[in-house]
Amino acid sequence: MIDKTKLLQLLTKYLAAKETKAERKELLEWYEQQESNHPDSSMEDDVRIKTRARLITSIKSSERNKSRIPLIWLPIAAALLVVGIFGYQYFLSGSEKKATMEMLSQIKPAKDHAIMILENGREINLDQLAANEEIQIDGMIIKKDKDGKVSYHLASSNLPVIPKNSIQVPIGSTFSLTLTDGSRVVLNSDSKLTFPSNFSTGDRVVELEGEGYFEVKHLNDNSRFIVKTDDQNVEVLGTRFNVKAYKTEDNTLTSLEEGSVKVTIPKGKSALLKPNQQARTDGSTELQVGNVNIDNILGWTRGQFCFDGSNTDEVLREIARWYDIDITYNKQGNAAQYSGKIPRNLSLEKLVALLNYADIKTKAVVGKNNRINLIIT
């Protein structure tokens, strides 16, 4: 008998089409047990009975004839499995206007998208730049490589004034950018990075609103790379770290993966971080340093929502930004204690199904301005 934690892991891998043949067989055997032991039809509504029967037939058929079924149907079948069994009851009860599965399936996870805002106010939609294409605008060359990553540099180093530009990443998007010094920045949803078009001598200074993961290149001149936020200045020579500084969040967080960083707050207090440490400020005069699980902190850069049993509010806000939806968290159930990882590459109806099965009871309704609102207890 598969326990609940193991079953959730199997379903999660099946949704992402990453399960092994043995795991697929184990999942099928579990499902066949559900078929043989399911309650009498008088205890279930017609929708659930028909859904279960159809899914059993589909999965058995896929096992017998998988060589004739395109692989693209596997995650679809898995999604139906999870949604049909564990998620349906949260959309068929209550007096609120429920969001249908079809509506949720149309809401996809974040994608690479950003707008570059030049100092003169001109906006460039970087989606319009094709792979391996470069353009020159106002003395600046912007290039997108074959993997979709964008880098830029000045066409001439003789400009009298180095312009300052910004990258704006909307809600429901992410973006990766290589700066002129070779440093790489990955920006999370609803984030903005302001930076000079070229780093001259002295400190390399950028400004961040939102969340960014930095891989800073160490230069021979030992120039410092400084990330400025409203509540922190982060100084490094060359290292990997994450800064989270949303205006809608209570705290500004700098978390170190590799190397060392110096974090300073406006009142002058500072701290030197070691790997797996985090500096936290809340707009006051306090600067708190503690140990963290850096893999969980960087989960967003690796395609995961990471719950650690204490950060439910924070992760739910990440989900809201990721899918551009609203979330109401009532804190009445088991969600606060949940610890686990959920893929970020799922459409919303698959995510809701996994949340429900993880005992994060989730109901989707149509809220103000026809926006999807997840009510979570």
Protein backbone atom coordinates (compact mmCIF):
# COMPACT_ATOMS: atom_id res chain seq x y z
CA MET A 1 0.00 0.00 0.00
CA ILE A 2 1.46 3.36 -1.01
CA ASP A 3 1.47 5.93 1.80
CA LYS A 4 0.19 9.45 1.16
CA THR A 5 3.61 11.11 0.91
CA LYS A 6 4.92 8.52 -1.57
CA LEU A 7 1.73 8.77 -3.64
CA LEU A 8 2.05 12.55 -3.89
CA GLN A 9 5.65 12.16 -5.08
CA LEU A 10 4.57 9.65 -7.74
CA LEU A 11 1.73 11.86 -8.95
CA THR A 12 4.01 14.90 -9.06
CA LYS A 13 6.60 13.08 -11.17
CA TYR A 14 3.84 11.66 -13.39
CA LEU A 15 2.47 15.15 -14.04
CA ALA A 16 5.91 16.30 -15.10
CA ALA A 17 6.37 13.15 -17.26
CA LYS A 18 9.52 12.24 -15.28
CA GLU A 19 8.40 8.94 -13.74
CA THR A 20 10.28 5.70 -14.32
CA LYS A 21 8.67 2.57 -15.74
CA ALA A 22 8.67 1.03 -12.25
CA GLU A 23 7.03 4.11 -10.74
CA ARG A 24 4.36 4.12 -13.46
CA LYS A 25 3.65 0.47 -12.70
CA GLU A 26 3.44 1.20 -8.97
CA LEU A 27 0.97 4.02 -9.63
CA LEU A 28 -1.14 1.78 -11.83
CA GLU A 29 -1.22 -0.97 -9.18
CA TRP A 30 -2.36 1.57 -6.58
CA TYR A 31 -5.07 2.79 -8.88
CA GLU A 32 -6.28 -0.73 -9.57
CA GLN A 33 -6.64 -1.18 -5.80
CA GLN A 34 -8.84 1.90 -5.71
CA GLU A 35 -11.00 0.37 -8.44
CA SER A 36 -11.48 -2.90 -6.59
CA ASN A 37 -12.19 -1.20 -3.28
CA HIS A 38 -14.20 1.84 -4.31
CA PRO A 39 -17.45 2.39 -2.39
CA ASP A 40 -20.88 1.50 -3.62
CA SER A 41 -22.34 3.85 -6.23
CA SER A 42 -24.99 5.00 -3.78
CA MET A 43 -22.25 6.76 -1.85
CA GLU A 44 -20.85 8.66 -4.83
CA ASP A 45 -22.29 11.02 -7.38
CA ASP A 46 -22.48 10.18 -11.06
CA VAL A 47 -19.65 12.54 -11.97
CA ARG A 48 -17.13 10.80 -9.76
CA ILE A 49 -18.23 7.30 -10.82
CA LYS A 50 -17.95 8.10 -14.51
CA THR A 51 -14.65 9.92 -14.05
CA ARG A 52 -13.13 7.03 -12.13
CA ALA A 53 -14.28 4.43 -14.66
CA ARG A 54 -12.99 6.49 -17.58
CA LEU A 55 -9.60 7.06 -15.92
CA ILE A 56 -9.17 3.39 -15.05
CA THR A 57 -9.90 2.43 -18.63
CA SER A 58 -7.53 5.11 -19.93
CA ILE A 59 -4.63 4.17 -17.70
CA LYS A 60 -5.01 0.43 -18.30
CA SER A 61 -5.18 1.07 -22.00
CA SER A 62 -2.05 3.21 -21.90
CA GLU A 63 -0.16 0.41 -20.13
CA ARG A 64 -1.26 -2.20 -22.68
CA ASN A 65 -0.76 -0.02 -25.73
CA LYS A 66 1.76 2.59 -24.69
CA SER A 67 3.84 2.00 -27.82
CA ARG A 68 0.91 3.29 -29.87
CA ILE A 69 0.07 6.28 -27.66
CA PRO A 70 2.04 9.53 -28.11
CA LEU A 71 3.98 10.55 -25.01
CA ILE A 72 2.19 13.89 -25.00
CA TRP A 73 -0.90 12.16 -23.55
CA LEU A 74 0.90 10.93 -20.42
CA PRO A 75 0.85 14.21 -18.46
CA ILE A 76 -2.74 14.79 -19.63
CA ALA A 77 -3.81 11.40 -18.30
CA ALA A 78 -1.96 12.08 -15.06
CA ALA A 79 -3.64 15.44 -14.68
CA LEU A 80 -7.05 13.83 -15.16
CA LEU A 81 -6.13 11.20 -12.61
CA VAL A 82 -5.23 13.71 -9.92
CA VAL A 83 -7.98 16.21 -10.68
CA GLY A 84 -10.69 13.61 -11.13
CA ILE A 85 -10.05 11.88 -7.82
CA PHE A 86 -8.75 14.51 -5.44
CA GLY A 87 -9.77 17.89 -6.71
CA TYR A 88 -13.32 17.71 -8.00
CA GLN A 89 -15.16 18.13 -4.72
CA TYR A 90 -13.71 21.58 -4.14
CA PHE A 91 -15.31 22.90 -7.30
CA LEU A 92 -18.75 21.27 -6.99
CA SER A 93 -19.87 22.53 -3.58
CA GLY A 94 -20.70 25.80 -1.85
CA SER A 95 -22.64 28.86 -2.90
CA GLU A 96 -19.79 30.87 -4.49
CA LYS A 97 -19.26 31.14 -8.20
CA LYS A 98 -16.81 28.33 -8.85
CA ALA A 99 -14.00 28.43 -11.38
CA THR A 100 -14.31 25.52 -13.78
CA MET A 101 -11.47 23.16 -14.58
CA GLU A 102 -11.46 24.51 -18.09
CA MET A 103 -10.92 28.04 -16.76
CA LEU A 104 -8.06 26.89 -14.55
CA SER A 105 -6.43 24.91 -17.34
CA GLN A 106 -6.13 28.11 -19.36
CA ILE A 107 -3.92 29.73 -16.72
CA LYS A 108 -0.37 28.71 -17.48
CA PRO A 109 2.79 29.11 -15.37
CA ALA A 110 5.12 32.03 -15.82
CA LYS A 111 7.12 32.40 -19.01
CA ASP A 112 10.20 34.36 -20.07
CA HIS A 113 9.07 37.90 -20.75
CA ALA A 114 10.45 41.36 -20.03
CA ILE A 115 10.37 44.94 -21.17
CA MET A 116 13.58 46.95 -21.43
CA ILE A 117 13.05 50.60 -20.54
CA LEU A 118 15.74 52.91 -21.88
CA GLU A 119 16.77 56.05 -20.01
CA ASN A 120 14.90 58.18 -22.55
CA GLY A 121 11.69 56.31 -21.74
CA ARG A 122 11.60 54.15 -24.86
CA GLU A 123 10.34 50.62 -24.25
CA ILE A 124 11.57 47.50 -26.06
CA ASN A 125 9.61 44.24 -25.89
CA LEU A 126 12.38 41.65 -25.70
CA ASP A 127 9.95 38.91 -26.79
CA GLN A 128 10.12 40.39 -30.28
CA LEU A 129 13.83 39.65 -30.50
CA ALA A 130 14.40 36.32 -32.28
CA ALA A 131 16.98 33.73 -31.20
CA ASN A 132 20.51 34.60 -32.41
CA GLU A 133 19.33 38.10 -33.32
CA GLU A 134 20.85 41.39 -32.21
CA ILE A 135 19.67 44.95 -32.60
CA GLN A 136 21.36 48.28 -32.10
CA ILE A 137 19.36 51.06 -30.48
CA ASP A 138 20.63 54.42 -29.25
CA GLY A 139 24.24 53.24 -29.19
CA MET A 140 23.43 49.97 -27.42
CA ILE A 141 23.56 46.43 -28.83
CA ILE A 142 21.01 43.95 -27.47
CA LYS A 143 21.49 40.28 -28.36
CA LYS A 144 19.44 37.13 -27.71
CA ASP A 145 21.27 33.79 -27.97
CA LYS A 146 19.89 30.47 -29.21
CA ASP A 147 18.62 29.62 -25.69
CA GLY A 148 16.70 32.88 -25.40
CA LYS A 149 19.11 34.52 -22.93
CA VAL A 150 19.66 38.24 -23.45
CA SER A 151 22.89 40.19 -23.11
CA TYR A 152 23.82 43.72 -24.08
CA HIS A 153 26.71 46.14 -24.39
CA LEU A 154 27.44 49.57 -25.76
CA ALA A 155 28.27 49.88 -29.44
CA SER A 156 30.81 52.52 -28.48
CA SER A 157 32.69 53.14 -25.25
CA ASN A 158 33.23 56.81 -26.10
CA LEU A 159 29.81 58.06 -25.04
CA PRO A 160 30.14 61.13 -22.79
CA VAL A 161 27.38 59.86 -20.47
CA ILE A 162 26.62 56.22 -19.73
CA PRO A 163 22.83 55.79 -19.85
CA LYS A 164 20.94 53.91 -17.16
CA ASN A 165 18.30 51.41 -18.30
CA SER A 166 15.82 49.06 -16.62
CA ILE A 167 14.41 45.59 -17.14
CA GLN A 168 10.78 45.25 -16.03
CA VAL A 169 9.49 41.70 -15.55
CA PRO A 170 5.67 41.60 -15.24
CA ILE A 171 3.60 39.37 -12.99
CA GLY A 172 3.44 35.88 -14.47
CA SER A 173 6.90 36.15 -16.08
CA THR A 174 10.59 35.56 -15.40
CA PHE A 175 13.69 36.71 -17.23
CA SER A 176 17.45 36.09 -17.41
CA LEU A 177 19.94 38.82 -18.35
CA THR A 178 23.72 38.95 -18.71
CA LEU A 179 25.19 42.35 -17.83
CA THR A 180 28.16 43.94 -19.58
CA ASP A 181 30.62 42.75 -16.92
CA GLY A 182 29.57 39.12 -17.51
CA SER A 183 27.44 38.87 -14.37
CA ARG A 184 24.14 37.03 -14.79
CA VAL A 185 20.83 38.01 -13.19
CA VAL A 186 17.61 35.96 -13.12
CA LEU A 187 14.57 38.08 -12.27
CA ASN A 188 11.42 36.65 -10.72
CA SER A 189 7.84 37.74 -11.45
CA ASP A 190 6.91 41.38 -10.77
CA SER A 191 10.54 42.53 -10.51
CA LYS A 192 12.59 45.43 -11.87
CA LEU A 193 16.35 45.84 -12.24
CA THR A 194 17.91 49.23 -13.01
CA PHE A 195 21.53 49.25 -14.22
CA PRO A 196 24.04 51.27 -16.27
CA SER A 197 24.46 50.32 -19.92
CA ASN A 198 28.14 49.82 -19.23
CA PHE A 199 30.21 49.55 -16.05
CA SER A 200 33.10 52.00 -16.02
CA THR A 201 35.76 52.18 -13.30
CA GLY A 202 34.71 51.86 -9.69
CA ASP A 203 31.76 50.08 -8.17
CA ARG A 204 29.23 48.22 -10.31
CA VAL A 205 25.89 49.39 -8.92
CA VAL A 206 22.42 48.08 -9.76
CA GLU A 207 19.02 48.70 -8.13
CA LEU A 208 16.44 45.97 -7.49
CA GLU A 209 12.72 45.93 -6.80
CA GLY A 210 11.28 42.43 -6.42
CA GLU A 211 13.44 39.31 -6.48
CA GLY A 212 16.65 38.49 -8.30
CA TYR A 213 19.25 35.73 -8.26
CA PHE A 214 22.76 37.03 -9.01
CA GLU A 215 25.84 35.22 -10.29
CA VAL A 216 28.41 37.99 -10.01
CA LYS A 217 31.63 37.79 -12.00
CA HIS A 218 34.83 38.61 -10.15
CA LEU A 219 36.87 41.19 -12.10
CA ASN A 220 40.62 41.67 -12.00
CA ASP A 221 40.26 45.22 -10.71
CA ASN A 222 38.42 43.87 -7.63
CA SER A 223 35.57 46.29 -8.19
CA ARG A 224 32.60 45.72 -5.91
CA PHE A 225 29.21 44.71 -7.26
CA ILE A 226 26.48 46.42 -5.23
CA VAL A 227 22.76 45.61 -5.25
CA LYS A 228 20.66 48.43 -3.79
CA THR A 229 17.15 47.94 -2.41
CA ASP A 230 15.05 50.21 -0.20
CA ASP A 231 16.20 48.43 2.97
CA GLN A 232 19.56 46.87 2.11
CA ASN A 233 22.79 47.39 0.20
CA VAL A 234 24.48 44.10 -0.75
CA GLU A 235 28.21 44.29 -1.59
CA VAL A 236 30.19 41.48 -3.24
CA LEU A 237 33.27 40.85 -5.36
CA GLY A 238 32.17 37.63 -7.03
CA THR A 239 29.58 35.20 -5.70
CA ARG A 240 26.09 33.71 -6.00
CA PHE A 241 23.22 35.05 -3.92
CA ASN A 242 19.50 35.84 -3.91
CA VAL A 243 17.82 39.13 -2.97
CA LYS A 244 14.09 39.37 -2.30
CA ALA A 245 12.83 42.92 -1.89
CA TYR A 246 9.17 43.17 -2.90
CA LYS A 247 7.42 46.34 -1.76
CA THR A 248 4.40 44.18 -0.91
CA GLU A 249 6.45 42.00 1.47
CA ASP A 250 7.23 42.87 5.09
CA ASN A 251 10.88 41.79 4.91
CA THR A 252 13.87 42.22 2.62
CA LEU A 253 15.91 39.01 2.43
CA THR A 254 19.42 38.39 1.14
CA SER A 255 20.44 34.72 1.02
CA LEU A 256 23.94 33.51 0.18
CA GLU A 257 24.65 30.42 -1.90
CA GLU A 258 28.40 30.77 -2.52
CA GLY A 259 31.21 33.17 -1.56
CA SER A 260 30.53 36.03 0.84
CA VAL A 261 28.44 39.18 0.85
CA LYS A 262 28.25 42.23 3.08
CA VAL A 263 24.75 43.46 3.85
CA THR A 264 24.28 47.02 5.12
CA ILE A 265 21.05 48.72 6.16
CA PRO A 266 20.32 52.48 5.99
CA LYS A 267 20.98 52.98 9.73
CA GLY A 268 24.55 51.78 9.19
CA LYS A 269 24.43 48.31 10.68
CA SER A 270 26.07 45.59 8.59
CA ALA A 271 26.70 41.86 8.57
CA LEU A 272 28.99 39.55 6.61
CA LEU A 273 27.15 36.46 5.39
CA LYS A 274 28.54 32.96 4.96
CA PRO A 275 27.02 30.36 2.58
CA ASN A 276 23.58 29.15 3.69
CA GLN A 277 22.96 32.29 5.74
CA GLN A 278 20.29 34.94 5.27
CA ALA A 279 20.10 38.61 6.27
CA ARG A 280 16.58 39.82 7.10
CA THR A 281 15.36 43.38 7.58
CA ASP A 282 11.83 44.66 8.08
CA GLY A 283 12.31 48.38 7.48
CA SER A 284 13.37 49.02 11.08
CA THR A 285 16.84 49.42 12.51
CA GLU A 286 17.24 45.69 13.04
CA LEU A 287 19.36 43.38 10.88
CA GLN A 288 18.88 39.69 11.63
CA VAL A 289 21.17 36.91 10.37
CA GLY A 290 20.30 33.22 10.49
CA ASN A 291 20.88 29.91 8.76
CA VAL A 292 18.56 28.82 5.93
CA ASN A 293 18.06 25.94 3.51
CA ILE A 294 19.48 27.60 0.40
CA ASP A 295 17.98 24.93 -1.87
CA ASN A 296 14.51 25.98 -0.75
CA ILE A 297 15.35 29.68 -1.14
CA LEU A 298 16.52 29.10 -4.71
CA GLY A 299 13.71 26.70 -5.56
CA TRP A 300 12.11 29.34 -7.81
CA THR A 301 15.22 29.35 -10.03
CA ARG A 302 15.00 25.55 -10.33
CA GLY A 303 11.33 25.25 -11.15
CA GLN A 304 9.93 24.49 -7.68
CA PHE A 305 7.62 25.91 -5.03
CA CYS A 306 9.31 24.90 -1.76
CA PHE A 307 7.25 24.65 1.44
CA ASP A 308 9.29 24.13 4.61
CA GLY A 309 6.50 23.95 7.19
CA SER A 310 6.85 27.59 8.22
CA ASN A 311 6.78 29.67 5.02
CA THR A 312 3.27 28.95 3.71
CA ASP A 313 2.23 32.62 3.47
CA GLU A 314 5.37 33.46 1.52
CA VAL A 315 5.05 30.57 -0.93
CA LEU A 316 1.37 31.30 -1.55
CA ARG A 317 2.29 34.86 -2.48
CA GLU A 318 4.87 33.41 -4.90
CA ILE A 319 2.13 31.28 -6.45
CA ALA A 320 -0.12 34.34 -6.81
CA ARG A 321 2.61 36.26 -8.66
CA TRP A 322 3.58 33.21 -10.74
CA TYR A 323 0.08 32.65 -12.13
CA ASP A 324 -1.16 36.27 -11.84
CA ILE A 325 -4.07 35.28 -9.61
CA ASP A 326 -5.40 36.22 -6.16
CA ILE A 327 -5.07 34.01 -3.09
CA THR A 328 -7.03 34.18 0.17
CA TYR A 329 -5.36 32.22 2.95
CA ASN A 330 -7.59 31.50 5.95
CA LYS A 331 -4.99 29.58 7.99
CA GLN A 332 -7.54 27.16 9.42
CA GLY A 333 -6.23 23.81 8.19
CA ASN A 334 -3.02 21.88 7.61
CA ALA A 335 -1.44 24.21 5.06
CA ALA A 336 0.76 25.97 7.61
CA GLN A 337 2.57 22.74 8.49
CA TYR A 338 3.04 21.41 4.95
CA SER A 339 6.60 20.62 3.92
CA GLY A 340 7.38 19.59 0.35
CA LYS A 341 8.13 20.69 -3.19
CA ILE A 342 5.67 21.23 -6.04
CA PRO A 343 6.71 21.85 -9.67
CA ARG A 344 6.20 25.36 -11.04
CA ASN A 345 5.67 24.23 -14.65
CA LEU A 346 2.07 23.07 -14.16
CA SER A 347 -1.07 24.72 -15.42
CA LEU A 348 -3.24 25.98 -12.58
CA GLU A 349 -5.73 23.10 -12.44
CA LYS A 350 -2.87 20.60 -11.96
CA LEU A 351 -1.32 22.76 -9.24
CA VAL A 352 -4.67 23.02 -7.41
CA ALA A 353 -5.06 19.24 -7.54
CA LEU A 354 -1.62 18.69 -5.99
CA LEU A 355 -2.26 21.31 -3.30
CA ASN A 356 -5.47 19.55 -2.35
CA TYR A 357 -3.83 16.18 -2.19
CA ALA A 358 -1.09 17.65 0.01
CA ASP A 359 -3.88 18.64 2.47
CA ILE A 360 -3.62 22.28 1.47
CA LYS A 361 -7.37 22.55 0.97
CA THR A 362 -7.90 24.77 -2.05
CA LYS A 363 -11.08 26.05 -3.68
CA ALA A 364 -11.05 28.19 -6.84
CA VAL A 365 -13.65 30.92 -7.32
CA VAL A 366 -14.13 33.77 -9.75
CA GLY A 367 -13.45 36.97 -7.82
CA LYS A 368 -13.39 40.66 -8.53
CA ASN A 369 -12.78 41.75 -12.13
CA ASN A 370 -13.21 38.09 -13.16
CA ARG A 371 -9.88 37.18 -11.59
CA ILE A 372 -9.29 33.68 -10.26
CA ASN A 373 -9.08 33.58 -6.47
CA LEU A 374 -7.78 30.50 -4.66
CA ILE A 375 -9.27 30.16 -1.17
CA ILE A 376 -6.89 28.11 0.95
CA THR A 377 -7.35 26.73 4.44
